[in-house]
Protein backbone atom coordinates (compact mmCIF):
# COMPACT_ATOMS: atom_id res chain seq x y z
CA UNK A 1 50.78 -44.23 77.43
CA UNK A 2 49.64 -40.63 77.49
CA UNK A 3 48.98 -38.83 74.22
CA UNK A 4 50.11 -35.31 73.95
CA UNK A 5 47.83 -32.76 72.38
CA UNK A 6 49.24 -31.26 69.19
CA UNK A 7 50.77 -27.82 69.54
CA UNK A 8 48.49 -25.04 68.33
CA UNK A 9 49.36 -24.06 64.80
CA UNK A 10 50.54 -20.53 64.15
CA UNK A 11 48.20 -18.89 61.72
CA UNK A 12 49.87 -17.44 58.69
CA UNK A 13 48.79 -14.21 57.02
CA UNK A 14 47.23 -16.27 54.23
CA UNK A 15 45.02 -18.07 56.76
CA UNK A 16 43.96 -14.81 58.42
CA UNK A 17 42.81 -12.97 55.32
CA UNK A 18 39.17 -13.20 54.45
CA UNK A 19 37.63 -12.41 51.10
CA UNK A 20 35.36 -9.37 51.18
CA UNK A 21 31.69 -10.06 50.69
CA UNK A 22 30.14 -9.64 47.27
CA UNK A 23 27.76 -6.81 48.33
CA UNK A 24 30.70 -4.81 49.77
CA UNK A 25 32.76 -5.32 46.62
CA UNK A 26 29.82 -4.26 44.43
CA UNK A 27 29.21 -1.20 46.64
CA UNK A 28 32.85 -0.20 46.29
CA UNK A 29 32.56 -0.81 42.54
CA UNK A 30 29.67 1.66 42.29
CA UNK A 31 31.71 4.21 44.24
CA UNK A 32 34.69 3.57 41.92
CA UNK A 33 32.41 4.15 38.92
CA UNK A 34 31.25 7.51 40.29
CA UNK A 35 34.84 8.65 40.83
CA UNK A 36 35.96 7.37 37.43
CA UNK A 37 33.12 9.23 35.68
CA UNK A 38 34.07 12.41 37.54
CA UNK A 39 37.73 11.97 36.53
CA UNK A 40 36.70 11.29 32.91
CA UNK A 41 34.56 14.45 32.83
CA UNK A 42 37.41 16.56 34.20
CA UNK A 43 39.93 15.01 31.80
CA UNK A 44 37.50 15.37 28.89
CA UNK A 45 36.97 19.01 29.74
CA UNK A 46 40.74 19.55 29.88
CA UNK A 47 41.21 17.81 26.51
CA UNK A 48 38.26 19.54 24.86
CA UNK A 49 40.32 22.33 23.26
CA UNK A 50 42.44 19.68 21.53
CA UNK A 51 39.40 17.87 20.15
CA UNK A 52 37.20 20.76 19.10
CA UNK A 53 37.47 22.50 15.77
CA UNK A 54 38.69 26.05 16.37
CA UNK A 55 36.58 27.90 13.79
CA UNK A 56 33.34 25.95 13.87
CA UNK A 57 30.18 28.05 13.55
CA UNK A 58 28.06 25.39 15.26
CA UNK A 59 28.61 22.48 17.54
CA UNK A 60 30.20 19.63 15.66
CA UNK A 61 31.17 16.11 16.60
CA UNK A 62 34.93 15.59 16.35
CA UNK A 63 36.18 13.15 13.71
CA UNK A 64 36.41 9.45 14.57
CA UNK A 65 40.21 9.61 14.87
CA UNK A 66 40.04 12.41 17.44
CA UNK A 67 37.34 10.63 19.45
CA UNK A 68 39.42 7.45 19.38
CA UNK A 69 42.48 9.33 20.62
CA UNK A 70 40.42 10.93 23.41
CA UNK A 71 39.15 7.52 24.45
CA UNK A 72 42.69 6.12 24.43
CA UNK A 73 43.91 9.06 26.54
CA UNK A 74 41.10 8.51 29.06
CA UNK A 75 41.73 4.74 29.17
CA UNK A 76 45.46 5.33 29.67
CA UNK A 77 44.72 7.82 32.44
CA UNK A 78 42.45 5.28 34.15
CA UNK A 79 45.13 2.59 33.73
CA UNK A 80 47.68 4.85 35.40
CA UNK A 81 45.23 5.73 38.21
CA UNK A 82 44.34 2.13 39.01
CA UNK A 83 47.79 0.59 38.63
CA UNK A 84 49.21 3.29 40.89
CA UNK A 85 46.64 2.76 43.63
CA UNK A 86 46.57 -1.04 43.42
CA UNK A 87 50.33 -1.49 43.84
CA UNK A 88 52.60 -1.39 46.88
CA UNK A 89 49.72 -1.65 49.34
CA UNK A 90 48.00 1.58 48.25
CA UNK A 91 44.22 1.72 47.94
CA UNK A 92 41.71 3.83 46.05
CA UNK A 93 39.33 6.06 48.00
CA UNK A 94 36.43 3.57 47.67
CA UNK A 95 38.68 0.77 48.91
CA UNK A 96 39.59 2.89 51.95
CA UNK A 97 35.95 3.82 52.55
CA UNK A 98 34.71 0.23 52.33
CA UNK A 99 37.83 -1.08 54.17
CA UNK A 100 38.92 -3.31 51.32
CA UNK A 101 42.40 -4.21 50.15
CA UNK A 102 43.62 -5.70 46.88
CA UNK A 103 46.29 -8.35 47.35
CA UNK A 104 47.96 -11.00 45.23
CA UNK A 105 46.68 -14.56 45.63
CA UNK A 106 49.70 -15.40 47.79
CA UNK A 107 48.88 -12.55 50.20
CA UNK A 108 51.60 -10.16 49.04
CA UNK A 109 51.16 -6.66 47.66
CA UNK A 110 50.15 -6.45 44.02
CA UNK A 111 52.95 -5.75 41.52
CA UNK A 112 52.59 -3.19 38.73
CA UNK A 113 52.45 -5.92 36.09
CA UNK A 114 49.72 -7.80 37.96
CA UNK A 115 47.76 -4.57 38.51
CA UNK A 116 47.99 -3.78 34.79
CA UNK A 117 46.80 -7.30 33.91
CA UNK A 118 43.85 -6.80 36.26
CA UNK A 119 43.01 -3.45 34.63
CA UNK A 120 43.21 -4.86 31.09
CA UNK A 121 41.16 -7.92 32.12
CA UNK A 122 38.53 -5.51 33.42
CA UNK A 123 37.95 -4.48 29.80
CA UNK A 124 36.82 -7.99 28.74
CA UNK A 125 33.13 -7.26 29.37
CA UNK A 126 33.09 -3.84 27.66
CA UNK A 127 35.06 -5.19 24.67
CA UNK A 128 32.63 -8.09 24.26
CA UNK A 129 29.67 -5.70 24.54
CA UNK A 130 31.03 -3.42 21.83
CA UNK A 131 31.86 -6.37 19.56
CA UNK A 132 28.42 -7.91 20.06
CA UNK A 133 26.72 -4.60 19.35
CA UNK A 134 28.77 -4.12 16.18
CA UNK A 135 27.87 -7.61 14.98
CA UNK A 136 24.18 -7.30 15.87
CA UNK A 137 23.60 -3.68 14.84
CA UNK A 138 20.33 -3.38 13.00
CA UNK A 139 19.02 -6.49 14.72
CA UNK A 140 16.64 -6.35 17.69
CA UNK A 141 19.11 -8.45 19.71
CA UNK A 142 21.66 -5.61 19.64
CA UNK A 143 19.98 -4.02 22.64
CA UNK A 144 21.04 -7.00 24.76
CA UNK A 145 24.73 -6.53 23.94
CA UNK A 146 25.05 -4.20 26.93
CA UNK A 147 24.43 -7.17 29.23
CA UNK A 148 27.93 -8.35 28.35
CA UNK A 149 29.25 -5.37 30.34
CA UNK A 150 28.39 -7.38 33.45
CA UNK A 151 30.35 -10.51 32.55
CA UNK A 152 33.35 -9.62 34.73
CA UNK A 153 31.13 -9.19 37.77
CA UNK A 154 28.54 -11.91 37.08
CA UNK A 155 31.50 -14.31 37.03
CA UNK A 156 31.49 -14.10 40.85
CA UNK A 157 28.26 -16.13 40.98
CA UNK A 158 29.86 -19.11 39.22
CA UNK A 159 33.41 -18.81 40.59
CA UNK A 160 34.03 -21.19 43.51
CA UNK A 161 35.80 -18.42 45.49
CA UNK A 162 33.31 -15.73 44.42
CA UNK A 163 36.04 -13.79 42.62
CA UNK A 164 35.42 -11.40 39.75
CA UNK A 165 36.74 -12.54 36.37
CA UNK A 166 39.52 -9.93 36.27
CA UNK A 167 40.68 -10.97 39.75
CA UNK A 168 40.73 -14.62 38.73
CA UNK A 169 42.76 -13.86 35.59
CA UNK A 170 45.19 -11.51 37.34
CA UNK A 171 45.68 -13.71 40.41
CA UNK A 172 44.41 -11.08 42.84
CA UNK A 173 41.86 -11.00 45.65
CA UNK A 174 39.86 -8.28 47.36
CA UNK A 175 39.95 -8.87 51.10
CA UNK A 176 38.61 -7.22 54.22
CA UNK A 177 41.25 -4.69 55.24
CA UNK A 178 40.73 -5.11 58.99
CA UNK A 179 41.58 -8.80 58.78
CA UNK A 180 44.45 -8.31 56.31
CA UNK A 181 46.07 -5.78 58.70
CA UNK A 182 45.82 -7.78 61.95
CA UNK A 183 49.19 -9.05 63.28
């Protein structure tokens, strides 16, 4: 009796995608940070007339309410920027440069809701850092609160798939674009 060799399996798109390496994702993250800072400076400059007192004789710091509203406007602008570029197969400039693509865990394009969840989850580290600093202010340990900014990215060293925390929570992955695009 002759045994037949099994037919070669057809590889699905999920099998073909490959997670991007951690150094490439961190490099793209640094590039994203540079662009986001540039956008924040431009937006802050555009919003400056709304925040500055009109008849001040010297430079003054705007009231807390105004600074909070400026921060909320900048955060909302960043949310719009990222959710727009992360959905429907679009990519940010750093993702194009580093040939990375953000996809849902099932291999499909990211929805707006999922992109927004990813953006909000990206604020976990900064929120923890601010809370820790507020609780530890006046204590020598307060200077270490800034280390909590890294929690979203340090998560990749303990995650079995090397995903960032916000990707794990949102159900997204950053993959090599060349492999994600192959037929």
